[in-house]
Amino acid sequence: MKKYFLILISLFICFNLTAAEIEIISDKPGNGKKIIYHSWVQIEYTGSFENGEVFDTNVGKDRPLVVQMGMKEVIPGFEQGIMGTTKGTKRKIRIPSKLAYGEKGGGDIIPPNTDLIFEFEIIDVLDPNYKLISPDELIVLIEKNSIALDIRTEDQWKKTGIIKGTFQETAFSKEGKFNVYLMDKVRALAGAESQNIEIAFISNDGETASILGNAFAEDLGFKNVFVLKGGIKAWIEDKKALIFEK
């Protein structure tokens, strides 16, 4: 499990989209829950070439496609087209080859350097298995003696200060290497409660914390995982107190 967790973290840190963009051909917004990073999404879709030939569809099948955003489970352009939409949205997009299968193509089905057309409908949206929280909600957790882990770097702690009642353990080096001792720190703090503890992650802007929070909730089975939305930047914008260690 630990090995799998580390592999996933490495993939997340290395995942970078190109500057290419999709084209939205048509868009009928839904009025349901909005899709955010790490949302679970059920989708009906049809993929075709620009000449109209369909190469894949799940319309009319027993089950819709179910994916978690941010996990590289679909091609980058498809995820780009899904993110930020809502339950009930119907959209048609053109995906440039750089955000699809690129120069290699997709096996015997997708030729190299091929732009693709996708039509899809968002059938359902479920929140991630961790919860985004506000600075005020983090204060409540800290007052309850929940584990609040500041996973930023030492330089960042010194620059901004830290939140009183939090623990400091850098999750990633400047080179993006995962700190394998972080899990030991969590186990030591959790004690016998283990995966039933309430644990909150704090990063600079919330993004790294959400990656770690998702891994703890999805891959490691922690039941009560929280992420400070907007990270320490949101804490500062909310004019909350910080302390500086001597």
Protein backbone atom coordinates (compact mmCIF):
# COMPACT_ATOMS: atom_id res chain seq x y z
CA MET A 1 0.00 0.00 0.00
CA LYS A 2 2.78 2.42 0.95
CA LYS A 3 4.63 1.72 -2.30
CA TYR A 4 1.44 2.34 -4.30
CA PHE A 5 0.89 5.59 -2.42
CA LEU A 6 4.36 6.85 -3.24
CA ILE A 7 4.00 5.98 -6.90
CA LEU A 8 0.74 7.93 -7.07
CA ILE A 9 2.27 10.97 -5.40
CA SER A 10 5.15 10.95 -7.89
CA LEU A 11 2.72 10.83 -10.79
CA PHE A 12 0.70 13.74 -9.43
CA ILE A 13 3.71 15.98 -9.00
CA CYS A 14 5.05 15.22 -12.48
CA PHE A 15 1.74 15.73 -14.28
CA ASN A 16 1.87 18.97 -16.33
CA LEU A 17 -0.50 19.99 -19.10
CA THR A 18 0.82 21.75 -22.17
CA ALA A 19 -0.22 25.24 -23.17
CA ALA A 20 -2.67 23.80 -25.70
CA GLU A 21 -6.36 24.44 -25.11
CA ILE A 22 -9.57 22.66 -26.00
CA GLU A 23 -12.30 24.30 -28.07
CA ILE A 24 -15.85 24.31 -26.73
CA ILE A 25 -18.13 23.77 -29.72
CA SER A 26 -21.42 23.77 -27.82
CA ASP A 27 -22.31 24.03 -24.16
CA LYS A 28 -25.56 23.52 -22.25
CA PRO A 29 -24.76 24.08 -18.56
CA GLY A 30 -26.39 21.96 -15.89
CA ASN A 31 -27.65 23.25 -12.56
CA GLY A 32 -26.31 20.58 -10.21
CA LYS A 33 -23.16 20.17 -8.13
CA LYS A 34 -20.01 21.75 -9.56
CA ILE A 35 -17.05 19.57 -10.51
CA ILE A 36 -13.89 20.43 -8.59
CA TYR A 37 -10.43 18.90 -8.30
CA HIS A 38 -10.79 15.25 -7.17
CA SER A 39 -14.57 15.14 -7.70
CA TRP A 40 -15.97 11.75 -8.69
CA VAL A 41 -17.87 12.15 -11.96
CA GLN A 42 -20.26 9.89 -13.89
CA ILE A 43 -20.24 10.65 -17.62
CA GLU A 44 -21.95 9.52 -20.79
CA TYR A 45 -19.79 10.34 -23.79
CA THR A 46 -19.18 9.80 -27.48
CA GLY A 47 -15.74 10.23 -29.03
CA SER A 48 -15.40 10.80 -32.76
CA PHE A 49 -12.99 12.01 -35.40
CA GLU A 50 -13.52 15.35 -37.11
CA ASN A 51 -15.15 13.55 -40.07
CA GLY A 52 -17.89 12.32 -37.72
CA GLU A 53 -16.72 8.71 -37.45
CA VAL A 54 -17.34 7.43 -33.91
CA PHE A 55 -14.42 5.56 -32.34
CA ASP A 56 -15.83 5.12 -28.81
CA THR A 57 -19.05 5.66 -26.87
CA ASN A 58 -20.73 4.43 -23.71
CA VAL A 59 -24.15 5.88 -24.50
CA GLY A 60 -26.79 3.19 -24.08
CA LYS A 61 -24.52 0.94 -22.03
CA ASP A 62 -25.35 -0.31 -18.56
CA ARG A 63 -22.95 1.94 -16.69
CA PRO A 64 -21.62 5.47 -17.28
CA LEU A 65 -17.90 6.19 -17.20
CA VAL A 66 -16.82 6.93 -13.62
CA VAL A 67 -13.60 8.90 -13.12
CA GLN A 68 -11.96 10.98 -10.42
CA MET A 69 -10.69 14.34 -11.58
CA GLY A 70 -6.96 14.98 -11.34
CA MET A 71 -6.02 11.30 -11.48
CA LYS A 72 -4.98 11.00 -15.16
CA GLU A 73 -7.80 8.53 -15.76
CA VAL A 74 -8.82 10.20 -19.03
CA ILE A 75 -6.83 12.11 -21.64
CA PRO A 76 -5.86 15.65 -20.51
CA GLY A 77 -8.15 17.43 -22.97
CA PHE A 78 -11.20 15.47 -21.86
CA GLU A 79 -10.51 16.32 -18.22
CA GLN A 80 -9.96 19.96 -19.18
CA GLY A 81 -13.38 19.96 -20.82
CA ILE A 82 -15.05 18.40 -17.78
CA MET A 83 -13.48 20.46 -14.99
CA GLY A 84 -15.62 23.30 -13.69
CA THR A 85 -18.84 22.05 -15.27
CA THR A 86 -21.82 20.86 -13.23
CA LYS A 87 -24.13 17.89 -12.96
CA GLY A 88 -26.47 17.93 -15.97
CA THR A 89 -24.04 19.74 -18.28
CA LYS A 90 -24.07 18.70 -21.94
CA ARG A 91 -20.99 19.79 -23.87
CA LYS A 92 -19.25 19.20 -27.18
CA ILE A 93 -15.52 19.89 -27.39
CA ARG A 94 -12.64 19.61 -29.83
CA ILE A 95 -9.44 18.29 -28.28
CA PRO A 96 -6.12 19.07 -30.02
CA SER A 97 -3.85 16.08 -30.46
CA LYS A 98 -1.38 17.44 -27.89
CA LEU A 99 -4.07 17.04 -25.23
CA ALA A 100 -5.21 13.69 -26.62
CA TYR A 101 -2.86 10.94 -27.85
CA GLY A 102 -0.24 13.13 -29.49
CA GLU A 103 2.42 11.86 -31.85
CA LYS A 104 2.13 8.24 -30.69
CA GLY A 105 -1.59 7.91 -31.31
CA GLY A 106 -3.87 5.54 -29.43
CA GLY A 107 -3.08 1.99 -30.47
CA ASP A 108 -4.85 0.81 -33.62
CA ILE A 109 -7.77 3.20 -33.11
CA ILE A 110 -6.42 6.75 -32.90
CA PRO A 111 -3.86 7.78 -35.59
CA PRO A 112 -0.92 9.97 -34.54
CA ASN A 113 -1.45 13.76 -34.38
CA THR A 114 -5.25 13.47 -34.49
CA ASP A 115 -7.65 16.04 -33.07
CA LEU A 116 -10.72 14.50 -31.45
CA ILE A 117 -14.34 15.48 -30.86
CA PHE A 118 -16.10 14.53 -27.62
CA GLU A 119 -19.74 15.00 -26.75
CA PHE A 120 -20.61 14.27 -23.14
CA GLU A 121 -23.22 14.66 -20.42
CA ILE A 122 -22.43 14.85 -16.71
CA ILE A 123 -24.77 12.32 -15.11
CA ASP A 124 -23.68 12.75 -11.50
CA VAL A 125 -21.03 14.45 -9.37
CA LEU A 126 -19.78 13.31 -5.96
CA ASP A 127 -17.46 15.25 -3.69
CA PRO A 128 -13.96 13.97 -2.95
CA ASN A 129 -13.59 11.78 0.12
CA TYR A 130 -11.76 14.59 1.90
CA LYS A 131 -13.38 17.88 2.90
CA LEU A 132 -12.20 21.38 2.03
CA ILE A 133 -12.42 23.58 5.11
CA SER A 134 -12.17 27.29 5.90
CA PRO A 135 -9.74 28.88 8.38
CA ASP A 136 -12.52 29.04 10.99
CA GLU A 137 -13.26 25.35 10.54
CA LEU A 138 -9.56 24.55 10.93
CA ILE A 139 -9.50 26.46 14.22
CA VAL A 140 -12.37 24.30 15.50
CA LEU A 141 -10.49 21.12 14.53
CA ILE A 142 -7.34 22.30 16.29
CA GLU A 143 -9.34 23.14 19.42
CA LYS A 144 -10.69 19.56 19.33
CA ASN A 145 -7.08 18.28 19.31
CA SER A 146 -7.37 16.95 15.78
CA ILE A 147 -4.08 16.54 13.91
CA ALA A 148 -3.35 19.60 11.76
CA LEU A 149 -0.26 18.98 9.66
CA ASP A 150 1.55 21.86 7.94
CA ILE A 151 3.29 20.13 5.03
CA ARG A 152 5.11 23.17 3.62
CA THR A 153 8.87 23.61 3.49
CA GLU A 154 11.01 24.99 6.32
CA ASP A 155 11.67 28.14 4.30
CA GLN A 156 7.92 28.73 4.00
CA TRP A 157 7.39 28.23 7.73
CA LYS A 158 10.09 30.81 8.47
CA LYS A 159 8.73 33.28 5.93
CA THR A 160 5.08 33.36 6.98
CA GLY A 161 5.05 31.81 10.42
CA ILE A 162 2.94 28.82 11.42
CA ILE A 163 -0.53 28.25 12.81
CA LYS A 164 -0.62 27.65 16.57
CA GLY A 165 -1.47 24.06 17.40
CA THR A 166 -0.27 22.62 14.10
CA PHE A 167 2.51 20.12 13.49
CA GLN A 168 5.20 20.71 10.90
CA GLU A 169 6.43 17.99 8.55
CA THR A 170 7.52 18.83 5.01
CA ALA A 171 5.74 16.56 2.50
CA PHE A 172 7.78 17.30 -0.61
CA SER A 173 11.27 18.61 -1.25
CA LYS A 174 11.86 21.51 -3.64
CA GLU A 175 12.55 18.88 -6.30
CA GLY A 176 9.14 17.26 -5.71
CA LYS A 177 10.48 14.22 -3.84
CA PHE A 178 8.07 12.81 -1.28
CA ASN A 179 9.20 12.70 2.35
CA VAL A 180 8.78 9.04 3.33
CA TYR A 181 9.00 9.95 7.03
CA LEU A 182 5.72 11.86 6.89
CA MET A 183 3.78 8.63 7.31
CA ASP A 184 5.80 7.80 10.42
CA LYS A 185 4.93 11.21 11.82
CA VAL A 186 1.23 10.65 11.16
CA ARG A 187 1.31 7.21 12.81
CA ALA A 188 3.10 8.60 15.85
CA LEU A 189 0.55 11.40 16.23
CA ALA A 190 -2.43 9.14 15.59
CA GLY A 191 -1.45 6.37 17.97
CA ALA A 192 -4.04 3.64 18.40
CA GLU A 193 -6.74 5.64 16.62
CA SER A 194 -4.93 5.19 13.33
CA GLN A 195 -7.21 5.72 10.32
CA ASN A 196 -10.16 7.02 12.35
CA ILE A 197 -8.39 10.19 13.45
CA GLU A 198 -9.35 13.61 12.20
CA ILE A 199 -6.42 14.92 10.17
CA ALA A 200 -6.10 18.23 8.32
CA PHE A 201 -3.44 19.15 5.78
CA ILE A 202 -2.12 22.67 5.23
CA SER A 203 -0.01 23.73 2.26
CA ASN A 204 0.95 27.04 0.68
CA ASP A 205 -2.08 27.45 -1.60
CA GLY A 206 -4.07 24.30 -0.86
CA GLU A 207 -3.15 22.36 -3.99
CA THR A 208 -0.43 20.13 -2.56
CA ALA A 209 -2.53 19.54 0.55
CA SER A 210 -5.45 18.39 -1.62
CA ILE A 211 -3.19 15.89 -3.43
CA LEU A 212 -2.03 14.47 -0.11
CA GLY A 213 -5.53 14.59 1.38
CA ASN A 214 -6.92 12.67 -1.56
CA ALA A 215 -4.22 10.01 -1.26
CA PHE A 216 -4.90 9.57 2.46
CA ALA A 217 -8.66 9.33 1.90
CA GLU A 218 -8.70 7.22 -1.26
CA ASP A 219 -5.59 5.04 -1.08
CA LEU A 220 -4.82 4.80 2.62
CA GLY A 221 -8.39 4.59 3.91
CA PHE A 222 -8.38 7.48 6.38
CA LYS A 223 -11.98 8.33 7.28
CA ASN A 224 -11.80 11.97 8.40
CA VAL A 225 -9.49 13.95 6.13
CA PHE A 226 -9.61 17.73 5.77
CA VAL A 227 -7.72 20.24 3.61
CA LEU A 228 -7.42 23.95 4.32
CA LYS A 229 -8.94 25.53 1.22
CA GLY A 230 -6.54 28.07 -0.26
CA GLY A 231 -3.81 27.01 2.15
CA ILE A 232 -1.78 29.39 4.28
CA LYS A 233 -2.52 32.15 1.75
CA ALA A 234 -6.22 31.95 2.61
CA TRP A 235 -5.34 31.97 6.32
CA ILE A 236 -3.34 35.18 5.86
CA GLU A 237 -6.05 36.79 3.71
CA ASP A 238 -8.52 36.00 6.49
CA LYS A 239 -6.21 37.89 8.88
CA LYS A 240 -5.76 34.89 11.18
CA ALA A 241 -2.86 34.85 13.63
CA LEU A 242 0.48 33.18 12.90
CA ILE A 243 3.37 32.54 15.22
CA PHE A 244 7.11 32.45 14.59
CA GLU A 245 9.21 29.83 16.31
CA LYS A 246 12.42 31.02 17.95
